[in-house]
Amino acid sequence: MISFQHALTEAEPWLREYGYPALALAVGIEGIGIPAPGETLLIGAALLAAKGELNISLVLVTAWLAAITGDNIGYWIGRAGGRPLLSNLRVSPGRLARLDSFYRRFGVWLVPVSRFFDGTRQLDGIIAGSARMPWQRFFLFDALGALAWVALWGWGMDQLGHHGSSIHRLLRQINPWVAGVAVAAAVLVVLFLVSGRMHHRGDGEAGPFDREHENNAE
């Protein structure tokens, strides 16, 4: 379990050496699907700010802008690359339309909530872009989610005290469960899309079981 002191120990050398750019880089590249210690550096930066070694306002603004930038890069990667990939796999237009509709309806909740968990935080923008969630809506709710995330682990470190440590431990305990649910959901989505592709192909050509059924009917 990562404690605040352990987070500070890990983050302190990077923050002392590279300062705000290290924080911005770690938080930003998470949004494009690359695992990075963005949350750890944010906590470490907030603790250093509490000691007077960094400016808390700059920490919050840097992390917030980096989170938004990284997530939006991930969104456009998914929009430009994820959708053509699904089309090349011959996923039926009907299944893609349902995926788009799902994200239009529930993306406003999924986008901000996913910011607080490992795994979903890194892939959220890419998935939203692949599902063609309207960019303006994604930008708005991603910005709100990033603001809440930065406020909790940045400004909250000083305000919440021991309660902040308890929240951090709780989220770390929940993370494996959230990751498991996310993987299961991804598998179900893939099966949903692939089954739609197989059904679409079956519309033009009868399979062996269909032909056997037709012969028995005769």
Protein backbone atom coordinates (compact mmCIF):
# COMPACT_ATOMS: atom_id res chain seq x y z
CA MET A 1 0.00 0.00 0.00
CA ILE A 2 1.41 3.36 -1.03
CA SER A 3 1.45 5.83 1.87
CA PHE A 4 1.84 9.57 1.48
CA GLN A 5 5.35 9.38 2.86
CA HIS A 6 6.25 6.66 0.38
CA ALA A 7 4.75 8.76 -2.43
CA LEU A 8 6.86 11.70 -1.34
CA THR A 9 9.98 9.53 -1.18
CA GLU A 10 9.39 8.33 -4.75
CA ALA A 11 8.43 11.69 -6.17
CA GLU A 12 10.80 13.98 -4.30
CA PRO A 13 13.97 13.39 -6.39
CA TRP A 14 12.10 14.00 -9.66
CA LEU A 15 10.32 17.07 -8.33
CA ARG A 16 13.44 18.54 -6.78
CA GLU A 17 15.41 18.01 -9.99
CA TYR A 18 12.84 18.91 -12.64
CA GLY A 19 10.05 20.64 -10.73
CA TYR A 20 6.78 21.46 -12.46
CA PRO A 21 7.79 20.03 -15.87
CA ALA A 22 8.19 16.58 -14.27
CA LEU A 23 4.70 16.86 -12.80
CA ALA A 24 3.23 18.02 -16.12
CA LEU A 25 4.93 15.23 -18.09
CA ALA A 26 3.87 12.43 -15.73
CA VAL A 27 0.26 13.61 -15.53
CA GLY A 28 0.01 14.42 -19.24
CA ILE A 29 1.31 11.20 -20.75
CA GLU A 30 -1.16 9.15 -18.69
CA GLY A 31 -3.92 10.55 -20.85
CA ILE A 32 -2.51 9.02 -24.01
CA GLY A 33 -2.53 5.49 -22.64
CA ILE A 34 1.02 5.37 -21.24
CA PRO A 35 1.34 4.27 -17.58
CA ALA A 36 3.09 6.96 -15.56
CA PRO A 37 3.24 7.98 -11.88
CA GLY A 38 1.11 11.07 -12.42
CA GLU A 39 -0.95 10.66 -9.26
CA THR A 40 2.13 9.89 -7.18
CA LEU A 41 3.93 13.01 -8.42
CA LEU A 42 0.83 15.12 -7.80
CA ILE A 43 0.66 13.91 -4.19
CA GLY A 44 4.41 14.43 -3.78
CA ALA A 45 4.21 17.94 -5.25
CA ALA A 46 1.34 18.83 -2.92
CA LEU A 47 3.32 17.63 0.09
CA LEU A 48 6.37 19.60 -0.99
CA ALA A 49 4.14 22.65 -1.45
CA ALA A 50 2.88 22.17 2.11
CA LYS A 51 6.52 22.36 3.21
CA GLY A 52 6.99 25.58 1.24
CA GLU A 53 9.25 24.08 -1.44
CA LEU A 54 6.73 24.42 -4.26
CA ASN A 55 3.85 26.78 -4.94
CA ILE A 56 0.51 25.00 -4.43
CA SER A 57 -1.28 27.20 -6.96
CA LEU A 58 1.26 26.33 -9.65
CA VAL A 59 1.04 22.66 -8.69
CA LEU A 60 -2.73 22.65 -9.12
CA VAL A 61 -2.77 24.60 -12.38
CA THR A 62 0.10 22.55 -13.85
CA ALA A 63 -1.52 19.22 -13.02
CA TRP A 64 -4.96 20.33 -14.22
CA LEU A 65 -3.76 21.65 -17.57
CA ALA A 66 -1.52 18.61 -18.08
CA ALA A 67 -4.40 16.23 -17.35
CA ILE A 68 -6.70 17.99 -19.80
CA THR A 69 -4.00 18.14 -22.48
CA GLY A 70 -3.08 14.47 -22.17
CA ASP A 71 -6.69 13.29 -22.13
CA ASN A 72 -7.56 15.32 -25.21
CA ILE A 73 -4.55 13.99 -27.10
CA GLY A 74 -5.75 10.50 -26.15
CA TYR A 75 -9.25 11.41 -27.33
CA TRP A 76 -8.04 12.44 -30.78
CA ILE A 77 -5.80 9.38 -31.02
CA GLY A 78 -8.88 7.24 -30.40
CA ARG A 79 -10.97 9.31 -32.78
CA ALA A 80 -8.39 9.14 -35.57
CA GLY A 81 -7.07 5.61 -35.03
CA GLY A 82 -9.55 3.63 -32.97
CA ARG A 83 -12.53 4.14 -35.23
CA PRO A 84 -10.75 3.13 -38.47
CA LEU A 85 -9.43 0.07 -36.65
CA LEU A 86 -12.97 -0.98 -35.73
CA SER A 87 -14.11 -0.33 -39.29
CA ASN A 88 -11.24 -2.39 -40.69
CA LEU A 89 -12.34 -5.25 -38.45
CA ARG A 90 -15.68 -5.03 -40.27
CA VAL A 91 -17.65 -4.36 -37.12
CA SER A 92 -21.24 -3.82 -38.23
CA PRO A 93 -22.43 -0.21 -38.44
CA GLY A 94 -25.33 -1.08 -36.14
CA ARG A 95 -23.01 -2.23 -33.35
CA LEU A 96 -20.83 0.87 -33.75
CA ALA A 97 -23.94 3.05 -33.56
CA ARG A 98 -24.92 1.38 -30.28
CA LEU A 99 -21.44 1.93 -28.88
CA ASP A 100 -21.63 5.59 -29.87
CA SER A 101 -25.08 5.92 -28.30
CA PHE A 102 -23.88 4.32 -25.05
CA TYR A 103 -21.04 6.82 -24.68
CA ARG A 104 -23.26 9.75 -25.60
CA ARG A 105 -25.64 8.74 -22.81
CA PHE A 106 -23.24 7.64 -20.07
CA GLY A 107 -19.94 9.26 -21.03
CA VAL A 108 -20.73 12.31 -18.91
CA TRP A 109 -20.43 10.02 -15.86
CA LEU A 110 -17.74 7.64 -17.09
CA VAL A 111 -15.28 10.34 -18.11
CA PRO A 112 -14.95 12.19 -14.77
CA VAL A 113 -15.21 9.07 -12.57
CA SER A 114 -12.56 7.15 -14.52
CA ARG A 115 -10.03 9.89 -13.69
CA PHE A 116 -9.77 8.54 -10.12
CA PHE A 117 -8.70 4.96 -10.96
CA ASP A 118 -5.59 3.43 -12.49
CA GLY A 119 -6.17 1.85 -15.86
CA THR A 120 -9.36 3.73 -16.66
CA ARG A 121 -7.51 7.03 -16.18
CA GLN A 122 -5.02 6.11 -18.90
CA LEU A 123 -7.55 4.77 -21.44
CA ASP A 124 -10.55 7.00 -20.90
CA GLY A 125 -9.75 9.54 -23.62
CA ILE A 126 -8.84 6.91 -26.20
CA ILE A 127 -12.07 4.97 -25.62
CA ALA A 128 -14.22 8.11 -25.67
CA GLY A 129 -12.62 9.15 -28.96
CA SER A 130 -13.09 5.70 -30.48
CA ALA A 131 -16.76 5.84 -29.45
CA ARG A 132 -17.08 9.28 -31.04
CA MET A 133 -18.30 10.97 -27.91
CA PRO A 134 -18.91 14.60 -28.95
CA TRP A 135 -15.64 16.43 -28.33
CA GLN A 136 -17.20 19.47 -26.66
CA ARG A 137 -18.98 17.23 -24.15
CA PHE A 138 -15.85 15.16 -23.56
CA PHE A 139 -13.76 18.31 -23.05
CA LEU A 140 -16.20 19.76 -20.53
CA PHE A 141 -16.65 16.69 -18.36
CA ASP A 142 -13.01 15.67 -18.64
CA ALA A 143 -12.02 19.13 -17.41
CA LEU A 144 -14.44 18.83 -14.49
CA GLY A 145 -13.15 15.35 -13.61
CA ALA A 146 -9.54 16.52 -13.81
CA LEU A 147 -10.38 19.52 -11.62
CA ALA A 148 -11.91 17.26 -8.95
CA TRP A 149 -8.94 14.87 -9.15
CA VAL A 150 -6.40 17.67 -8.83
CA ALA A 151 -8.35 19.28 -6.01
CA LEU A 152 -8.48 16.01 -4.05
CA TRP A 153 -4.82 15.02 -4.36
CA GLY A 154 -3.42 18.54 -4.52
CA TRP A 155 -5.37 21.02 -2.44
CA GLY A 156 -6.96 18.17 -0.43
CA MET A 157 -3.65 17.00 0.96
CA ASP A 158 -3.42 20.09 3.10
CA GLN A 159 -7.11 20.35 3.92
CA LEU A 160 -8.05 16.72 4.55
CA GLY A 161 -5.09 15.75 6.69
CA HIS A 162 -5.40 12.15 7.93
CA HIS A 163 -8.71 11.80 6.10
CA GLY A 164 -6.84 12.28 2.84
CA SER A 165 -4.63 9.34 3.70
CA SER A 166 -7.71 7.22 4.43
CA ILE A 167 -9.29 8.15 1.09
CA HIS A 168 -6.06 7.31 -0.70
CA ARG A 169 -5.88 3.89 0.94
CA LEU A 170 -9.53 3.24 0.12
CA LEU A 171 -9.06 4.07 -3.56
CA ARG A 172 -5.95 1.91 -3.71
CA GLN A 173 -7.96 -1.01 -2.32
CA ILE A 174 -10.76 -0.41 -4.83
CA ASN A 175 -8.40 -0.05 -7.80
CA PRO A 176 -7.94 -3.80 -8.48
CA TRP A 177 -11.69 -4.31 -8.44
CA VAL A 178 -12.24 -1.40 -10.80
CA ALA A 179 -9.51 -2.70 -13.10
CA GLY A 180 -11.14 -6.13 -13.10
CA VAL A 181 -14.54 -4.67 -13.94
CA ALA A 182 -12.95 -2.55 -16.68
CA VAL A 183 -11.27 -5.60 -18.22
CA ALA A 184 -14.52 -7.59 -18.06
CA ALA A 185 -16.40 -4.70 -19.65
CA ALA A 186 -13.78 -4.44 -22.41
CA VAL A 187 -14.09 -8.17 -23.13
CA LEU A 188 -17.88 -7.89 -23.29
CA VAL A 189 -17.62 -4.93 -25.66
CA VAL A 190 -15.22 -6.84 -27.92
CA LEU A 191 -17.53 -9.87 -27.93
CA PHE A 192 -20.47 -7.60 -28.66
CA LEU A 193 -18.71 -5.99 -31.62
CA VAL A 194 -17.26 -9.25 -32.97
CA SER A 195 -20.60 -11.05 -32.70
CA GLY A 196 -22.13 -8.22 -34.67
CA ARG A 197 -19.46 -8.66 -37.32
CA MET A 198 -20.15 -12.42 -37.52
CA HIS A 199 -23.88 -11.79 -37.72
CA HIS A 200 -23.31 -9.23 -40.46
CA ARG A 201 -21.24 -11.71 -42.44
CA GLY A 202 -23.88 -14.39 -41.88
CA ASP A 203 -26.48 -12.17 -43.56
CA GLY A 204 -24.75 -12.64 -46.87
CA GLU A 205 -23.69 -16.26 -46.58
CA ALA A 206 -25.31 -19.10 -44.70
CA GLY A 207 -23.09 -20.95 -42.30
CA PRO A 208 -22.78 -24.76 -42.12
CA PHE A 209 -25.34 -25.01 -39.32
CA ASP A 210 -27.78 -22.85 -41.26
CA ARG A 211 -27.40 -25.02 -44.38
CA GLU A 212 -27.96 -28.19 -42.33
CA HIS A 213 -31.12 -26.68 -40.88
CA GLU A 214 -32.37 -25.78 -44.36
CA ASN A 215 -31.70 -29.35 -45.62
CA ASN A 216 -33.60 -30.86 -42.70
CA ALA A 217 -36.51 -28.52 -43.35
CA GLU A 218 -36.74 -29.80 -46.94
